[in-house]
Amino acid sequence: MTDFIKMVGEQIRSIRKFKGMTQEQLAERSGLSFSYISDVERGTRNISLESLGKIISALNIKPVQIFEDMDKLSLDISSDVVRNKIEELNAHLRDREAEDIEFVIKVTREFLNTLDRRYK
């Protein structure tokens, strides 16, 4: 069982770091103490399902992702980040007039074309 607890802790640490979070930030977002997060990541604390659920929510991942290979998880998280950014952009545009949205699309297209030319 100890190997399993360490594996879960290591995966939580990897995901947290991948997302650019500190242990303090994860503790704050999950409502758990910093020392608890530290113990879990080191595999010295037997995590409860309730606490695991809080950590999963704070990391904004699906429960199954705790047990996935980090390479696959990186792709999934990257996709989630992109999806969240698109949703954020959508929220900014939701109450705008069609001509405002058309202007944003035009500026975005020109900006991306400039970037493409710059990095080719």
Foldseek 3Di string as FASTA:
>chain_A
DLVVQQLLLCLLVLLCVLVVHDLCQLCVQLVHDSVVNVCSNRSNDDDDPSSLVSSCVSSVHDSCSSVDDVVVSSVVVVVVVVVVVVVVVCVVCVPPDPVVVVVVVVVVVVVVVVVVVVVD
